[in-house]
Amino acid sequence: MDTGALIAFFNPNDKNHEKAVEFFELRALMGAKFIIGRPVLMEFLNGASKRAGKKIALELKRRIISSKFVMIENETEEDWEKAWQIFEKFNDQNGMDLIDCLSFAIMERLGIKEAFTFDRDFEIYGFKKVPF
């Protein structure tokens, strides 16, 4: 699950909010677990803290961490090395930031093929972007 998907899910004013909630609920009913890399969680909560305040960010953290549909995946040293390799390889993709590259490395390590995201960079790298 990417930062943009988290923002869309939790922000009713986001243009992708309805699509994100519908997709999450459908997959959750099917028994899916959403994996959020720790760097993505940190990026999301940092943004929430800056925009809405620390109390809101802490409440969002509590909701995410306590969800039975979410698993937080820590990055490894190998993920960091792989992320830097990806970052260097795709140096012409200015939108593909280091957090994206770290997500790619984590997803590859876990064998994940689909990304819950609204970010085209995941497709550019080779993942299937969902929802459509």
C-alpha atoms as a PDB file:
ATOM      1  CA  MET A   1       0.000   0.000   0.000  1.00  0.00           C
ATOM      2  CA  ASP A   2       1.488   3.307  -1.096  1.00  0.00           C
ATOM      3  CA  THR A   3       1.337   6.702   0.617  1.00  0.00           C
ATOM      4  CA  GLY A   4      -1.089   8.045  -1.986  1.00  0.00           C
ATOM      5  CA  ALA A   5      -3.483   5.166  -1.319  1.00  0.00           C
ATOM      6  CA  LEU A   6      -3.328   5.854   2.427  1.00  0.00           C
ATOM      7  CA  ILE A   7      -4.027   9.535   1.844  1.00  0.00           C
ATOM      8  CA  ALA A   8      -6.949   8.726  -0.470  1.00  0.00           C
ATOM      9  CA  PHE A   9      -8.371   6.197   1.992  1.00  0.00           C
ATOM     10  CA  PHE A  10      -8.277   8.473   5.042  1.00  0.00           C
ATOM     11  CA  ASN A  11      -9.019  11.843   3.402  1.00  0.00           C
ATOM     12  CA  PRO A  12     -12.662  12.186   2.319  1.00  0.00           C
ATOM     13  CA  ASN A  13     -11.696  15.242   0.244  1.00  0.00           C
ATOM     14  CA  ASP A  14      -9.170  13.317  -1.860  1.00  0.00           C
ATOM     15  CA  LYS A  15     -10.252  12.780  -5.478  1.00  0.00           C
ATOM     16  CA  ASN A  16      -9.550   9.032  -5.128  1.00  0.00           C
ATOM     17  CA  HIS A  17     -11.214   8.586  -1.725  1.00  0.00           C
ATOM     18  CA  GLU A  18     -14.271   6.625  -2.863  1.00  0.00           C
ATOM     19  CA  LYS A  19     -12.212   4.389  -5.124  1.00  0.00           C
ATOM     20  CA  ALA A  20      -9.689   3.714  -2.330  1.00  0.00           C
ATOM     21  CA  VAL A  21     -12.335   2.884   0.280  1.00  0.00           C
ATOM     22  CA  GLU A  22     -14.274   0.671  -2.139  1.00  0.00           C
ATOM     23  CA  PHE A  23     -11.128  -1.220  -3.154  1.00  0.00           C
ATOM     24  CA  PHE A  24      -9.920  -1.651   0.437  1.00  0.00           C
ATOM     25  CA  GLU A  25     -13.303  -2.903   1.647  1.00  0.00           C
ATOM     26  CA  LEU A  26     -13.693  -5.314  -1.279  1.00  0.00           C
ATOM     27  CA  ARG A  27     -10.235  -6.818  -0.812  1.00  0.00           C
ATOM     28  CA  ALA A  28     -10.677  -6.951   2.970  1.00  0.00           C
ATOM     29  CA  LEU A  29     -13.912  -8.920   2.510  1.00  0.00           C
ATOM     30  CA  MET A  30     -11.917 -11.336   0.364  1.00  0.00           C
ATOM     31  CA  GLY A  31      -9.458 -11.815   3.242  1.00  0.00           C
ATOM     32  CA  ALA A  32      -6.606  -9.729   1.859  1.00  0.00           C
ATOM     33  CA  LYS A  33      -3.876  -8.288   4.053  1.00  0.00           C
ATOM     34  CA  PHE A  34      -2.529  -4.899   3.042  1.00  0.00           C
ATOM     35  CA  ILE A  35       1.200  -4.609   3.529  1.00  0.00           C
ATOM     36  CA  ILE A  36       2.538  -1.169   4.323  1.00  0.00           C
ATOM     37  CA  GLY A  37       6.274  -0.663   4.339  1.00  0.00           C
ATOM     38  CA  ARG A  38       7.488   1.167   7.430  1.00  0.00           C
ATOM     39  CA  PRO A  39       8.963   3.972   5.262  1.00  0.00           C
ATOM     40  CA  VAL A  40       5.533   4.529   3.656  1.00  0.00           C
ATOM     41  CA  LEU A  41       3.883   4.617   7.081  1.00  0.00           C
ATOM     42  CA  MET A  42       6.435   7.174   8.272  1.00  0.00           C
ATOM     43  CA  GLU A  43       5.954   9.319   5.156  1.00  0.00           C
ATOM     44  CA  PHE A  44       2.156   9.206   5.543  1.00  0.00           C
ATOM     45  CA  LEU A  45       2.160   9.994   9.264  1.00  0.00           C
ATOM     46  CA  ASN A  46       4.724  12.767   8.852  1.00  0.00           C
ATOM     47  CA  GLY A  47       2.527  14.397   6.207  1.00  0.00           C
ATOM     48  CA  ALA A  48      -0.584  13.966   8.359  1.00  0.00           C
ATOM     49  CA  SER A  49       1.211  15.514  11.325  1.00  0.00           C
ATOM     50  CA  LYS A  50       2.292  18.542   9.299  1.00  0.00           C
ATOM     51  CA  ARG A  51      -1.149  19.082   7.748  1.00  0.00           C
ATOM     52  CA  ALA A  52      -3.559  18.063  10.506  1.00  0.00           C
ATOM     53  CA  GLY A  53      -1.462  17.979  13.689  1.00  0.00           C
ATOM     54  CA  LYS A  54       0.211  15.342  15.815  1.00  0.00           C
ATOM     55  CA  LYS A  55      -2.985  14.213  17.558  1.00  0.00           C
ATOM     56  CA  ILE A  56      -4.519  13.290  14.203  1.00  0.00           C
ATOM     57  CA  ALA A  57      -1.304  11.565  13.087  1.00  0.00           C
ATOM     58  CA  LEU A  58      -1.206   9.529  16.313  1.00  0.00           C
ATOM     59  CA  GLU A  59      -4.854   8.514  15.872  1.00  0.00           C
ATOM     60  CA  LEU A  60      -4.174   7.464  12.274  1.00  0.00           C
ATOM     61  CA  LYS A  61      -1.168   5.422  13.449  1.00  0.00           C
ATOM     62  CA  ARG A  62      -3.324   3.702  16.078  1.00  0.00           C
ATOM     63  CA  ARG A  63      -6.009   2.874  13.505  1.00  0.00           C
ATOM     64  CA  ILE A  64      -3.519   1.521  10.976  1.00  0.00           C
ATOM     65  CA  ILE A  65      -1.461  -0.509  13.455  1.00  0.00           C
ATOM     66  CA  SER A  66      -4.547  -2.042  15.088  1.00  0.00           C
ATOM     67  CA  SER A  67      -6.233  -3.032  11.810  1.00  0.00           C
ATOM     68  CA  LYS A  68      -6.461  -6.769  11.266  1.00  0.00           C
ATOM     69  CA  PHE A  69      -6.236  -6.072   7.532  1.00  0.00           C
ATOM     70  CA  VAL A  70      -2.844  -4.338   7.681  1.00  0.00           C
ATOM     71  CA  MET A  71       0.667  -5.599   8.243  1.00  0.00           C
ATOM     72  CA  ILE A  72       3.611  -3.226   8.667  1.00  0.00           C
ATOM     73  CA  GLU A  73       6.773  -4.519   6.992  1.00  0.00           C
ATOM     74  CA  ASN A  74      10.148  -3.250   8.151  1.00  0.00           C
ATOM     75  CA  GLU A  75      12.837  -2.578   5.599  1.00  0.00           C
ATOM     76  CA  THR A  76      16.129  -4.473   5.662  1.00  0.00           C
ATOM     77  CA  GLU A  77      19.676  -3.394   4.851  1.00  0.00           C
ATOM     78  CA  GLU A  78      19.326  -5.339   1.597  1.00  0.00           C
ATOM     79  CA  ASP A  79      16.153  -3.390   0.802  1.00  0.00           C
ATOM     80  CA  TRP A  80      18.100  -0.139   1.267  1.00  0.00           C
ATOM     81  CA  GLU A  81      20.850  -1.311  -1.071  1.00  0.00           C
ATOM     82  CA  LYS A  82      18.306  -2.433  -3.678  1.00  0.00           C
ATOM     83  CA  ALA A  83      16.392   0.858  -3.329  1.00  0.00           C
ATOM     84  CA  TRP A  84      19.523   2.867  -4.096  1.00  0.00           C
ATOM     85  CA  GLN A  85      20.204   0.687  -7.138  1.00  0.00           C
ATOM     86  CA  ILE A  86      16.659   1.275  -8.404  1.00  0.00           C
ATOM     87  CA  PHE A  87      16.918   5.000  -7.652  1.00  0.00           C
ATOM     88  CA  GLU A  88      20.116   5.236  -9.710  1.00  0.00           C
ATOM     89  CA  LYS A  89      18.800   3.054 -12.545  1.00  0.00           C
ATOM     90  CA  PHE A  90      15.636   5.153 -12.946  1.00  0.00           C
ATOM     91  CA  ASN A  91      17.391   8.517 -12.603  1.00  0.00           C
ATOM     92  CA  ASP A  92      15.310   9.892 -15.487  1.00  0.00           C
ATOM     93  CA  GLN A  93      12.082   9.383 -13.482  1.00  0.00           C
ATOM     94  CA  ASN A  94      11.960  12.464 -11.257  1.00  0.00           C
ATOM     95  CA  GLY A  95       8.666  11.419  -9.664  1.00  0.00           C
ATOM     96  CA  MET A  96      10.134   8.085  -8.556  1.00  0.00           C
ATOM     97  CA  ASP A  97      11.423   9.031  -5.124  1.00  0.00           C
ATOM     98  CA  LEU A  98      13.481   7.025  -2.668  1.00  0.00           C
ATOM     99  CA  ILE A  99      10.422   5.915  -0.679  1.00  0.00           C
ATOM    100  CA  ASP A 100       8.946   4.481  -3.896  1.00  0.00           C
ATOM    101  CA  CYS A 101      12.212   2.667  -4.598  1.00  0.00           C
ATOM    102  CA  LEU A 102      12.305   1.297  -1.059  1.00  0.00           C
ATOM    103  CA  SER A 103       8.714   0.098  -1.515  1.00  0.00           C
ATOM    104  CA  PHE A 104       9.738  -1.640  -4.750  1.00  0.00           C
ATOM    105  CA  ALA A 105      12.585  -3.422  -2.948  1.00  0.00           C
ATOM    106  CA  ILE A 106      10.319  -4.547  -0.095  1.00  0.00           C
ATOM    107  CA  MET A 107       7.644  -5.719  -2.536  1.00  0.00           C
ATOM    108  CA  GLU A 108      10.163  -7.693  -4.583  1.00  0.00           C
ATOM    109  CA  ARG A 109      11.551  -9.338  -1.440  1.00  0.00           C
ATOM    110  CA  LEU A 110       8.038 -10.372  -0.404  1.00  0.00           C
ATOM    111  CA  GLY A 111       7.005 -11.468  -3.910  1.00  0.00           C
ATOM    112  CA  ILE A 112       4.216  -8.887  -4.141  1.00  0.00           C
ATOM    113  CA  LYS A 113       3.054  -8.193  -7.705  1.00  0.00           C
ATOM    114  CA  GLU A 114       0.239  -5.658  -7.147  1.00  0.00           C
ATOM    115  CA  ALA A 115       0.505  -2.200  -5.616  1.00  0.00           C
ATOM    116  CA  PHE A 116      -2.443  -0.399  -4.038  1.00  0.00           C
ATOM    117  CA  THR A 117      -1.458   2.990  -5.395  1.00  0.00           C
ATOM    118  CA  PHE A 118      -2.483   5.852  -7.618  1.00  0.00           C
ATOM    119  CA  ASP A 119       1.167   6.470  -8.568  1.00  0.00           C
ATOM    120  CA  ARG A 120       2.182   5.551 -12.134  1.00  0.00           C
ATOM    121  CA  ASP A 121       5.777   4.956 -11.046  1.00  0.00           C
ATOM    122  CA  PHE A 122       4.790   1.531  -9.726  1.00  0.00           C
ATOM    123  CA  GLU A 123       3.663   0.560 -13.244  1.00  0.00           C
ATOM    124  CA  ILE A 124       6.801   2.037 -14.766  1.00  0.00           C
ATOM    125  CA  TYR A 125       8.843  -0.206 -12.487  1.00  0.00           C
ATOM    126  CA  GLY A 126       6.747  -3.249 -13.421  1.00  0.00           C
ATOM    127  CA  PHE A 127       4.089  -3.738 -10.761  1.00  0.00           C
ATOM    128  CA  LYS A 128       0.377  -4.026 -11.461  1.00  0.00           C
ATOM    129  CA  LYS A 129      -1.323  -0.892 -10.136  1.00  0.00           C
ATOM    130  CA  VAL A 130      -4.630  -1.434  -8.334  1.00  0.00           C
ATOM    131  CA  PRO A 131      -7.339  -0.263  -8.234  1.00  0.00           C
ATOM    132  CA  PHE A 132      -7.561   0.223 -11.995  1.00  0.00           C
END
